Amino acid sequence: MTQQKTTPTQPPVVQDLPAEPEPAFGWTQYAERINGRVAMIAFIALLLLEAVTHQDLFTWLGLR
């Protein structure tokens, strides 16, 4: 019988992931990302509100 020699393998190199942006004051990429997400959620909520109540936002708020 022949024995196979195993060669030691090196562990895979783990690449550093980009750091998450931290909250900061002003016009930052983090703030813009959060504002965009909130705007998308608000837009969908307004569409659902109009679909459920069959009224637009201004009528629902009593401004018309």
PDB file of N, CA and C in Angstrom:
ATOM      1  N   MET A   1       0.826  -1.179   0.000  1.00  0.00           N
ATOM      2  CA  MET A   1       0.000   0.000   0.000  1.00  0.00           C
ATOM      3  C   MET A   1       0.868   1.240   0.000  1.00  0.00           C
ATOM      4  N   THR A   2       0.353   2.215  -0.697  1.00  0.00           N
ATOM      5  CA  THR A   2       1.097   3.480  -0.709  1.00  0.00           C
ATOM      6  C   THR A   2       0.321   4.507   0.099  1.00  0.00           C
ATOM      7  N   GLN A   3       1.052   5.277   0.820  1.00  0.00           N
ATOM      8  CA  GLN A   3       0.432   6.335   1.607  1.00  0.00           C
ATOM      9  C   GLN A   3       0.567   7.651   0.861  1.00  0.00           C
ATOM     10  N   GLN A   4      -0.504   8.381   0.877  1.00  0.00           N
ATOM     11  CA  GLN A   4      -0.452   9.691   0.238  1.00  0.00           C
ATOM     12  C   GLN A   4      -0.013  10.715   1.263  1.00  0.00           C
ATOM     13  N   LYS A   5       0.908  11.527   0.840  1.00  0.00           N
ATOM     14  CA  LYS A   5       1.363  12.593   1.715  1.00  0.00           C
ATOM     15  C   LYS A   5       0.416  13.785   1.549  1.00  0.00           C
ATOM     16  N   THR A   6      -0.012  14.282   2.635  1.00  0.00           N
ATOM     17  CA  THR A   6      -0.856  15.474   2.568  1.00  0.00           C
ATOM     18  C   THR A   6       0.006  16.696   2.817  1.00  0.00           C
ATOM     19  N   THR A   7      -0.201  17.656   1.988  1.00  0.00           N
ATOM     20  CA  THR A   7       0.540  18.897   2.179  1.00  0.00           C
ATOM     21  C   THR A   7      -0.332  19.847   2.982  1.00  0.00           C
ATOM     22  N   PRO A   8       0.247  20.538   3.910  1.00  0.00           N
ATOM     23  CA  PRO A   8      -0.560  21.468   4.709  1.00  0.00           C
ATOM     24  C   PRO A   8      -1.090  22.600   3.828  1.00  0.00           C
ATOM     25  N   THR A   9      -2.350  22.859   3.956  1.00  0.00           N
ATOM     26  CA  THR A   9      -2.945  23.949   3.178  1.00  0.00           C
ATOM     27  C   THR A   9      -3.105  25.166   4.070  1.00  0.00           C
ATOM     28  N   GLN A  10      -2.982  26.300   3.446  1.00  0.00           N
ATOM     29  CA  GLN A  10      -3.135  27.543   4.190  1.00  0.00           C
ATOM     30  C   GLN A  10      -4.622  27.896   4.242  1.00  0.00           C
ATOM     31  N   PRO A  11      -5.052  28.483   5.333  1.00  0.00           N
ATOM     32  CA  PRO A  11      -6.464  28.878   5.415  1.00  0.00           C
ATOM     33  C   PRO A  11      -6.763  29.951   4.369  1.00  0.00           C
ATOM     34  N   PRO A  12      -8.003  29.990   3.896  1.00  0.00           N
ATOM     35  CA  PRO A  12      -8.335  31.002   2.886  1.00  0.00           C
ATOM     36  C   PRO A  12      -8.184  32.403   3.457  1.00  0.00           C
ATOM     37  N   VAL A  13      -7.785  33.311   2.606  1.00  0.00           N
ATOM     38  CA  VAL A  13      -7.594  34.700   3.015  1.00  0.00           C
ATOM     39  C   VAL A  13      -8.959  35.368   3.065  1.00  0.00           C
ATOM     40  N   VAL A  14      -9.293  35.922   4.196  1.00  0.00           N
ATOM     41  CA  VAL A  14     -10.563  36.618   4.355  1.00  0.00           C
ATOM     42  C   VAL A  14     -10.323  38.093   4.071  1.00  0.00           C
ATOM     43  N   GLN A  15     -11.046  38.585   3.078  1.00  0.00           N
ATOM     44  CA  GLN A  15     -10.887  39.993   2.743  1.00  0.00           C
ATOM     45  C   GLN A  15     -11.655  40.839   3.743  1.00  0.00           C
ATOM     46  N   ASP A  16     -11.106  41.975   4.045  1.00  0.00           N
ATOM     47  CA  ASP A  16     -11.782  42.883   4.958  1.00  0.00           C
ATOM     48  C   ASP A  16     -13.022  43.445   4.280  1.00  0.00           C
ATOM     49  N   LEU A  17     -14.135  43.372   4.972  1.00  0.00           N
ATOM     50  CA  LEU A  17     -15.357  43.958   4.450  1.00  0.00           C
ATOM     51  C   LEU A  17     -15.330  45.453   4.703  1.00  0.00           C
ATOM     52  N   PRO A  18     -15.972  46.207   3.808  1.00  0.00           N
ATOM     53  CA  PRO A  18     -15.981  47.653   4.049  1.00  0.00           C
ATOM     54  C   PRO A  18     -16.765  47.960   5.325  1.00  0.00           C
ATOM     55  N   ALA A  19     -16.263  48.889   6.058  1.00  0.00           N
ATOM     56  CA  ALA A  19     -16.897  49.254   7.333  1.00  0.00           C
ATOM     57  C   ALA A  19     -18.216  49.957   7.063  1.00  0.00           C
ATOM     58  N   GLU A  20     -19.189  49.702   7.923  1.00  0.00           N
ATOM     59  CA  GLU A  20     -20.472  50.387   7.809  1.00  0.00           C
ATOM     60  C   GLU A  20     -20.252  51.858   8.151  1.00  0.00           C
ATOM     61  N   PRO A  21     -20.870  52.751   7.382  1.00  0.00           N
ATOM     62  CA  PRO A  21     -20.715  54.163   7.724  1.00  0.00           C
ATOM     63  C   PRO A  21     -21.376  54.463   9.059  1.00  0.00           C
ATOM     64  N   GLU A  22     -20.760  55.304   9.824  1.00  0.00           N
ATOM     65  CA  GLU A  22     -21.282  55.625  11.140  1.00  0.00           C
ATOM     66  C   GLU A  22     -22.113  56.902  11.059  1.00  0.00           C
ATOM     67  N   PRO A  23     -23.138  57.012  11.901  1.00  0.00           N
ATOM     68  CA  PRO A  23     -23.941  58.233  11.897  1.00  0.00           C
ATOM     69  C   PRO A  23     -23.074  59.450  12.198  1.00  0.00           C
ATOM     70  N   ALA A  24     -23.326  60.505  11.474  1.00  0.00           N
ATOM     71  CA  ALA A  24     -22.591  61.751  11.672  1.00  0.00           C
ATOM     72  C   ALA A  24     -23.526  62.901  11.337  1.00  0.00           C
ATOM     73  N   PHE A  25     -23.145  64.080  11.702  1.00  0.00           N
ATOM     74  CA  PHE A  25     -23.965  65.262  11.453  1.00  0.00           C
ATOM     75  C   PHE A  25     -23.700  65.781  10.042  1.00  0.00           C
ATOM     76  N   GLY A  26     -24.754  66.199   9.353  1.00  0.00           N
ATOM     77  CA  GLY A  26     -24.590  66.827   8.054  1.00  0.00           C
ATOM     78  C   GLY A  26     -24.986  65.916   6.901  1.00  0.00           C
ATOM     79  N   TRP A  27     -24.599  66.324   5.708  1.00  0.00           N
ATOM     80  CA  TRP A  27     -24.930  65.608   4.479  1.00  0.00           C
ATOM     81  C   TRP A  27     -23.932  64.478   4.265  1.00  0.00           C
ATOM     82  N   THR A  28     -24.209  63.359   4.875  1.00  0.00           N
ATOM     83  CA  THR A  28     -23.311  62.224   4.749  1.00  0.00           C
ATOM     84  C   THR A  28     -23.998  61.128   3.948  1.00  0.00           C
ATOM     85  N   GLN A  29     -23.216  60.181   3.482  1.00  0.00           N
ATOM     86  CA  GLN A  29     -23.762  59.062   2.726  1.00  0.00           C
ATOM     87  C   GLN A  29     -24.715  58.246   3.597  1.00  0.00           C
ATOM     88  N   TYR A  30     -24.406  58.102   4.855  1.00  0.00           N
ATOM     89  CA  TYR A  30     -25.263  57.369   5.781  1.00  0.00           C
ATOM     90  C   TYR A  30     -26.621  58.057   5.916  1.00  0.00           C
ATOM     91  N   ALA A  31     -26.607  59.370   6.112  1.00  0.00           N
ATOM     92  CA  ALA A  31     -27.855  60.120   6.268  1.00  0.00           C
ATOM     93  C   ALA A  31     -28.697  60.042   5.003  1.00  0.00           C
ATOM     94  N   GLU A  32     -28.075  60.140   3.858  1.00  0.00           N
ATOM     95  CA  GLU A  32     -28.813  60.075   2.601  1.00  0.00           C
ATOM     96  C   GLU A  32     -29.425  58.697   2.393  1.00  0.00           C
ATOM     97  N   ARG A  33     -28.729  57.669   2.772  1.00  0.00           N
ATOM     98  CA  ARG A  33     -29.255  56.303   2.635  1.00  0.00           C
ATOM     99  C   ARG A  33     -30.483  56.120   3.538  1.00  0.00           C
ATOM    100  N   ILE A  34     -30.382  56.578   4.781  1.00  0.00           N
ATOM    101  CA  ILE A  34     -31.503  56.462   5.715  1.00  0.00           C
ATOM    102  C   ILE A  34     -32.691  57.299   5.225  1.00  0.00           C
ATOM    103  N   ASN A  35     -32.445  58.529   4.782  1.00  0.00           N
ATOM    104  CA  ASN A  35     -33.520  59.387   4.286  1.00  0.00           C
ATOM    105  C   ASN A  35     -34.207  58.773   3.077  1.00  0.00           C
ATOM    106  N   GLY A  36     -33.450  58.163   2.200  1.00  0.00           N
ATOM    107  CA  GLY A  36     -34.026  57.521   1.026  1.00  0.00           C
ATOM    108  C   GLY A  36     -34.913  56.348   1.412  1.00  0.00           C
ATOM    109  N   ARG A  37     -34.474  55.571   2.371  1.00  0.00           N
ATOM    110  CA  ARG A  37     -35.277  54.423   2.813  1.00  0.00           C
ATOM    111  C   ARG A  37     -36.573  54.886   3.469  1.00  0.00           C
ATOM    112  N   VAL A  38     -36.496  55.918   4.295  1.00  0.00           N
ATOM    113  CA  VAL A  38     -37.697  56.445   4.942  1.00  0.00           C
ATOM    114  C   VAL A  38     -38.652  57.020   3.895  1.00  0.00           C
ATOM    115  N   ALA A  39     -38.124  57.689   2.883  1.00  0.00           N
ATOM    116  CA  ALA A  39     -38.972  58.248   1.829  1.00  0.00           C
ATOM    117  C   ALA A  39     -39.686  57.144   1.053  1.00  0.00           C
ATOM    118  N   MET A  40     -39.000  56.050   0.778  1.00  0.00           N
ATOM    119  CA  MET A  40     -39.638  54.939   0.059  1.00  0.00           C
ATOM    120  C   MET A  40     -40.757  54.319   0.893  1.00  0.00           C
ATOM    121  N   ILE A  41     -40.516  54.155   2.183  1.00  0.00           N
ATOM    122  CA  ILE A  41     -41.539  53.580   3.066  1.00  0.00           C
ATOM    123  C   ILE A  41     -42.739  54.521   3.158  1.00  0.00           C
ATOM    124  N   ALA A  42     -42.496  55.824   3.274  1.00  0.00           N
ATOM    125  CA  ALA A  42     -43.579  56.800   3.365  1.00  0.00           C
ATOM    126  C   ALA A  42     -44.399  56.827   2.081  1.00  0.00           C
ATOM    127  N   PHE A  43     -43.756  56.731   0.941  1.00  0.00           N
ATOM    128  CA  PHE A  43     -44.471  56.746  -0.334  1.00  0.00           C
ATOM    129  C   PHE A  43     -45.392  55.542  -0.448  1.00  0.00           C
ATOM    130  N   ILE A  44     -44.910  54.370  -0.083  1.00  0.00           N
ATOM    131  CA  ILE A  44     -45.736  53.164  -0.124  1.00  0.00           C
ATOM    132  C   ILE A  44     -46.891  53.284   0.880  1.00  0.00           C
ATOM    133  N   ALA A  45     -46.614  53.858   2.054  1.00  0.00           N
ATOM    134  CA  ALA A  45     -47.666  54.032   3.058  1.00  0.00           C
ATOM    135  C   ALA A  45     -48.759  54.963   2.536  1.00  0.00           C
ATOM    136  N   LEU A  46     -48.376  56.037   1.827  1.00  0.00           N
ATOM    137  CA  LEU A  46     -49.371  56.945   1.263  1.00  0.00           C
ATOM    138  C   LEU A  46     -50.199  56.257   0.181  1.00  0.00           C
ATOM    139  N   LEU A  47     -49.558  55.447  -0.641  1.00  0.00           N
ATOM    140  CA  LEU A  47     -50.307  54.701  -1.655  1.00  0.00           C
ATOM    141  C   LEU A  47     -51.304  53.750  -1.009  1.00  0.00           C
ATOM    142  N   LEU A  48     -50.889  53.068   0.045  1.00  0.00           N
ATOM    143  CA  LEU A  48     -51.797  52.163   0.747  1.00  0.00           C
ATOM    144  C   LEU A  48     -52.938  52.936   1.409  1.00  0.00           C
ATOM    145  N   LEU A  49     -52.644  54.091   1.988  1.00  0.00           N
ATOM    146  CA  LEU A  49     -53.669  54.918   2.614  1.00  0.00           C
ATOM    147  C   LEU A  49     -54.730  55.327   1.592  1.00  0.00           C
ATOM    148  N   GLU A  50     -54.296  55.763   0.423  1.00  0.00           N
ATOM    149  CA  GLU A  50     -55.240  56.157  -0.612  1.00  0.00           C
ATOM    150  C   GLU A  50     -56.034  54.969  -1.122  1.00  0.00           C
ATOM    151  N   ALA A  51     -55.413  53.806  -1.219  1.00  0.00           N
ATOM    152  CA  ALA A  51     -56.119  52.616  -1.696  1.00  0.00           C
ATOM    153  C   ALA A  51     -57.170  52.157  -0.697  1.00  0.00           C
ATOM    154  N   VAL A  52     -56.880  52.264   0.593  1.00  0.00           N
ATOM    155  CA  VAL A  52     -57.802  51.792   1.618  1.00  0.00           C
ATOM    156  C   VAL A  52     -58.950  52.776   1.838  1.00  0.00           C
ATOM    157  N   THR A  53     -58.643  54.077   1.907  1.00  0.00           N
ATOM    158  CA  THR A  53     -59.663  55.072   2.234  1.00  0.00           C
ATOM    159  C   THR A  53     -60.365  55.649   0.999  1.00  0.00           C
ATOM    160  N   HIS A  54     -59.840  55.424  -0.189  1.00  0.00           N
ATOM    161  CA  HIS A  54     -60.367  55.988  -1.448  1.00  0.00           C
ATOM    162  C   HIS A  54     -60.397  57.511  -1.409  1.00  0.00           C
ATOM    163  N   GLN A  55     -59.459  58.098  -0.669  1.00  0.00           N
ATOM    164  CA  GLN A  55     -59.302  59.548  -0.596  1.00  0.00           C
ATOM    165  C   GLN A  55     -57.821  59.871  -0.733  1.00  0.00           C
ATOM    166  N   ASP A  56     -57.553  61.065  -1.249  1.00  0.00           N
ATOM    167  CA  ASP A  56     -56.146  61.451  -1.315  1.00  0.00           C
ATOM    168  C   ASP A  56     -55.683  61.979   0.039  1.00  0.00           C
ATOM    169  N   LEU A  57     -54.415  62.252   0.165  1.00  0.00           N
ATOM    170  CA  LEU A  57     -53.830  62.653   1.443  1.00  0.00           C
ATOM    171  C   LEU A  57     -54.446  63.938   1.967  1.00  0.00           C
ATOM    172  N   PHE A  58     -54.646  64.930   1.099  1.00  0.00           N
ATOM    173  CA  PHE A  58     -55.155  66.219   1.549  1.00  0.00           C
ATOM    174  C   PHE A  58     -56.587  66.107   2.064  1.00  0.00           C
ATOM    175  N   THR A  59     -57.407  65.301   1.410  1.00  0.00           N
ATOM    176  CA  THR A  59     -58.770  65.071   1.888  1.00  0.00           C
ATOM    177  C   THR A  59     -58.744  64.336   3.217  1.00  0.00           C
ATOM    178  N   TRP A  60     -57.879  63.359   3.332  1.00  0.00           N
ATOM    179  CA  TRP A  60     -57.773  62.578   4.558  1.00  0.00           C
ATOM    180  C   TRP A  60     -57.340  63.453   5.732  1.00  0.00           C
ATOM    181  N   LEU A  61     -56.472  64.422   5.462  1.00  0.00           N
ATOM    182  CA  LEU A  61     -56.018  65.334   6.514  1.00  0.00           C
ATOM    183  C   LEU A  61     -57.012  66.457   6.781  1.00  0.00           C
ATOM    184  N   GLY A  62     -58.048  66.580   5.958  1.00  0.00           N
ATOM    185  CA  GLY A  62     -59.058  67.625   6.142  1.00  0.00           C
ATOM    186  C   GLY A  62     -58.647  68.959   5.557  1.00  0.00           C
ATOM    187  N   LEU A  63     -57.749  68.976   4.616  1.00  0.00           N
ATOM    188  CA  LEU A  63     -57.292  70.222   4.007  1.00  0.00           C
ATOM    189  C   LEU A  63     -58.067  70.566   2.734  1.00  0.00           C
ATOM    190  N   ARG A  64     -58.972  69.716   2.337  1.00  0.00           N
ATOM    191  CA  ARG A  64     -59.785  69.973   1.147  1.00  0.00           C
ATOM    192  C   ARG A  64     -61.217  69.952   1.495  1.00  0.00           C
TER     193      ARG A  64
END
